[in-house]
Amino acid sequence: MVLGCMAVLRKAGMSKTESVQHYERLMKHHDLTPDQVNAALPGIMLHGGLPGMDEARAHLLEIIPDLEGQI
């Protein structure tokens, strides 16, 4: 879900630097470390585990309501 949410932020035009604060909030919310996300990446790519953009957007807004109107 974290990677799908990051894709939503980037598609909305947010730079990598701007999206870092939201990435950190997502990581904390899901109790994940960057190493855990990186380790899961190959499996996600092989098995199509990324959420749809609408699902990821809804998840982002649930966790970070301040993003309403920005994504």
N, C-alpha and C. Protein backbone atom coordinates (compact mmCIF):
# COMPACT_ATOMS: atom_id res chain seq x y z
N MET A 1 0.82 -1.19 0.00
CA MET A 1 0.00 0.00 0.00
C MET A 1 0.86 1.26 0.00
N VAL A 2 1.97 1.21 0.73
CA VAL A 2 2.84 2.39 0.82
C VAL A 2 3.32 2.81 -0.57
N LEU A 3 3.74 1.85 -1.36
CA LEU A 3 4.25 2.18 -2.71
C LEU A 3 3.14 2.70 -3.61
N GLY A 4 1.95 2.15 -3.49
CA GLY A 4 0.81 2.65 -4.26
C GLY A 4 0.48 4.09 -3.88
N CYS A 5 0.55 4.38 -2.59
CA CYS A 5 0.30 5.74 -2.12
C CYS A 5 1.34 6.71 -2.64
N MET A 6 2.58 6.26 -2.68
CA MET A 6 3.63 7.12 -3.21
C MET A 6 3.40 7.40 -4.69
N ALA A 7 2.91 6.41 -5.42
CA ALA A 7 2.60 6.62 -6.84
C ALA A 7 1.52 7.68 -7.00
N VAL A 8 0.53 7.66 -6.12
CA VAL A 8 -0.54 8.67 -6.17
C VAL A 8 0.04 10.06 -5.94
N LEU A 9 0.90 10.20 -4.96
CA LEU A 9 1.51 11.50 -4.67
C LEU A 9 2.32 12.00 -5.84
N ARG A 10 3.10 11.12 -6.44
CA ARG A 10 3.93 11.53 -7.58
C ARG A 10 3.08 11.89 -8.79
N LYS A 11 2.01 11.10 -9.01
CA LYS A 11 1.12 11.38 -10.14
C LYS A 11 0.42 12.72 -9.96
N ALA A 12 0.18 13.10 -8.71
CA ALA A 12 -0.45 14.38 -8.42
C ALA A 12 0.51 15.55 -8.61
N GLY A 13 1.76 15.25 -8.94
CA GLY A 13 2.73 16.31 -9.21
C GLY A 13 3.64 16.64 -8.05
N MET A 14 3.55 15.88 -6.96
CA MET A 14 4.40 16.13 -5.81
C MET A 14 5.81 15.62 -6.10
N SER A 15 6.80 16.42 -5.77
CA SER A 15 8.18 16.01 -5.99
C SER A 15 8.57 14.94 -4.98
N LYS A 16 9.67 14.29 -5.24
CA LYS A 16 10.17 13.27 -4.31
C LYS A 16 10.43 13.90 -2.94
N THR A 17 11.01 15.08 -2.94
CA THR A 17 11.30 15.77 -1.69
C THR A 17 10.02 16.12 -0.94
N GLU A 18 9.01 16.60 -1.66
CA GLU A 18 7.74 16.96 -1.03
C GLU A 18 7.02 15.75 -0.46
N SER A 19 7.16 14.61 -1.11
CA SER A 19 6.41 13.42 -0.70
C SER A 19 7.05 12.68 0.48
N VAL A 20 8.29 13.02 0.83
CA VAL A 20 9.00 12.31 1.91
C VAL A 20 8.23 12.38 3.23
N GLN A 21 7.70 13.53 3.59
CA GLN A 21 6.98 13.65 4.86
C GLN A 21 5.77 12.71 4.90
N HIS A 22 5.11 12.56 3.77
CA HIS A 22 3.94 11.67 3.71
C HIS A 22 4.38 10.21 3.74
N TYR A 23 5.49 9.93 3.09
CA TYR A 23 6.07 8.58 3.12
C TYR A 23 6.38 8.18 4.56
N GLU A 24 6.97 9.09 5.29
CA GLU A 24 7.31 8.80 6.69
C GLU A 24 6.06 8.56 7.53
N ARG A 25 5.01 9.31 7.29
CA ARG A 25 3.75 9.10 8.02
C ARG A 25 3.14 7.75 7.67
N LEU A 26 3.19 7.38 6.40
CA LEU A 26 2.68 6.07 5.98
C LEU A 26 3.46 4.94 6.61
N MET A 27 4.78 5.09 6.64
CA MET A 27 5.62 4.05 7.23
C MET A 27 5.29 3.89 8.71
N LYS A 28 5.12 4.99 9.41
CA LYS A 28 4.79 4.94 10.83
C LYS A 28 3.41 4.30 11.03
N HIS A 29 2.45 4.70 10.20
CA HIS A 29 1.09 4.16 10.31
C HIS A 29 1.08 2.64 10.13
N HIS A 30 1.86 2.14 9.18
CA HIS A 30 1.90 0.71 8.88
C HIS A 30 2.96 -0.03 9.69
N ASP A 31 3.66 0.70 10.55
CA ASP A 31 4.71 0.12 11.39
C ASP A 31 5.74 -0.63 10.54
N LEU A 32 6.23 0.07 9.50
CA LEU A 32 7.21 -0.50 8.58
C LEU A 32 8.48 0.33 8.58
N THR A 33 9.56 -0.32 8.16
CA THR A 33 10.82 0.38 7.95
C THR A 33 11.07 0.43 6.44
N PRO A 34 11.91 1.35 5.99
CA PRO A 34 12.25 1.36 4.56
C PRO A 34 12.84 0.03 4.09
N ASP A 35 13.62 -0.63 4.94
CA ASP A 35 14.20 -1.92 4.56
C ASP A 35 13.11 -2.96 4.31
N GLN A 36 12.05 -2.93 5.11
CA GLN A 36 10.96 -3.89 4.91
C GLN A 36 10.24 -3.63 3.58
N VAL A 37 10.02 -2.37 3.27
CA VAL A 37 9.37 -2.03 2.00
C VAL A 37 10.25 -2.46 0.83
N ASN A 38 11.54 -2.16 0.92
CA ASN A 38 12.47 -2.53 -0.14
C ASN A 38 12.54 -4.05 -0.31
N ALA A 39 12.52 -4.79 0.79
CA ALA A 39 12.57 -6.25 0.73
C ALA A 39 11.31 -6.82 0.09
N ALA A 40 10.18 -6.16 0.28
CA ALA A 40 8.91 -6.65 -0.27
C ALA A 40 8.74 -6.30 -1.75
N LEU A 41 9.49 -5.34 -2.24
CA LEU A 41 9.33 -4.84 -3.61
C LEU A 41 9.39 -5.93 -4.69
N PRO A 42 10.37 -6.82 -4.70
CA PRO A 42 10.39 -7.84 -5.76
C PRO A 42 9.11 -8.70 -5.78
N GLY A 43 8.64 -9.10 -4.63
CA GLY A 43 7.43 -9.90 -4.56
C GLY A 43 6.21 -9.13 -5.03
N ILE A 44 6.15 -7.85 -4.69
CA ILE A 44 5.03 -7.00 -5.12
C ILE A 44 5.04 -6.89 -6.63
N MET A 45 6.21 -6.69 -7.20
CA MET A 45 6.31 -6.55 -8.65
C MET A 45 5.96 -7.85 -9.38
N LEU A 46 6.37 -8.97 -8.83
CA LEU A 46 6.10 -10.25 -9.47
C LEU A 46 4.64 -10.67 -9.37
N HIS A 47 3.99 -10.30 -8.30
CA HIS A 47 2.63 -10.76 -8.06
C HIS A 47 1.58 -9.68 -8.21
N GLY A 48 1.97 -8.53 -8.71
CA GLY A 48 1.00 -7.46 -8.96
C GLY A 48 0.30 -7.00 -7.70
N GLY A 49 1.05 -6.83 -6.62
CA GLY A 49 0.46 -6.50 -5.34
C GLY A 49 0.21 -5.03 -5.07
N LEU A 50 0.42 -4.17 -6.05
CA LEU A 50 0.15 -2.75 -5.83
C LEU A 50 -1.36 -2.50 -5.88
N PRO A 51 -1.86 -1.65 -4.98
CA PRO A 51 -3.28 -1.33 -5.02
C PRO A 51 -3.59 -0.44 -6.21
N GLY A 52 -4.85 -0.37 -6.58
CA GLY A 52 -5.27 0.55 -7.63
C GLY A 52 -5.11 1.99 -7.14
N MET A 53 -5.04 2.91 -8.08
CA MET A 53 -4.84 4.31 -7.73
C MET A 53 -5.98 4.84 -6.86
N ASP A 54 -7.22 4.45 -7.14
CA ASP A 54 -8.34 4.92 -6.33
C ASP A 54 -8.25 4.41 -4.90
N GLU A 55 -7.87 3.14 -4.75
CA GLU A 55 -7.74 2.55 -3.42
C GLU A 55 -6.61 3.23 -2.65
N ALA A 56 -5.48 3.46 -3.31
CA ALA A 56 -4.35 4.10 -2.65
C ALA A 56 -4.68 5.54 -2.28
N ARG A 57 -5.38 6.25 -3.16
CA ARG A 57 -5.79 7.64 -2.87
C ARG A 57 -6.70 7.67 -1.65
N ALA A 58 -7.68 6.78 -1.60
CA ALA A 58 -8.61 6.73 -0.46
C ALA A 58 -7.85 6.44 0.83
N HIS A 59 -6.88 5.54 0.75
CA HIS A 59 -6.08 5.20 1.93
C HIS A 59 -5.27 6.40 2.41
N LEU A 60 -4.67 7.10 1.47
CA LEU A 60 -3.91 8.30 1.82
C LEU A 60 -4.79 9.33 2.52
N LEU A 61 -5.97 9.56 1.98
CA LEU A 61 -6.86 10.56 2.56
C LEU A 61 -7.38 10.13 3.92
N GLU A 62 -7.49 8.84 4.14
CA GLU A 62 -7.90 8.34 5.44
C GLU A 62 -6.81 8.63 6.49
N ILE A 63 -5.57 8.44 6.10
CA ILE A 63 -4.45 8.63 7.03
C ILE A 63 -4.02 10.09 7.12
N ILE A 64 -4.05 10.77 5.98
CA ILE A 64 -3.57 12.16 5.92
C ILE A 64 -4.65 13.02 5.26
N PRO A 65 -5.71 13.35 6.00
CA PRO A 65 -6.82 14.11 5.40
C PRO A 65 -6.42 15.47 4.85
N ASP A 66 -5.30 16.00 5.31
CA ASP A 66 -4.82 17.29 4.82
C ASP A 66 -4.50 17.27 3.32
N LEU A 67 -4.39 16.09 2.73
CA LEU A 67 -4.07 15.98 1.31
C LEU A 67 -5.29 16.19 0.41
N GLU A 68 -6.47 16.31 1.01
CA GLU A 68 -7.68 16.54 0.22
C GLU A 68 -7.49 17.77 -0.65
N GLY A 69 -7.80 17.64 -1.91
CA GLY A 69 -7.63 18.72 -2.85
C GLY A 69 -6.25 18.80 -3.48
N GLN A 70 -5.29 18.06 -2.93
CA GLN A 70 -3.94 18.05 -3.48
C GLN A 70 -3.67 16.80 -4.32
N ILE A 71 -4.46 15.75 -4.05
CA ILE A 71 -4.26 14.50 -4.79
C ILE A 71 -5.54 14.07 -5.45
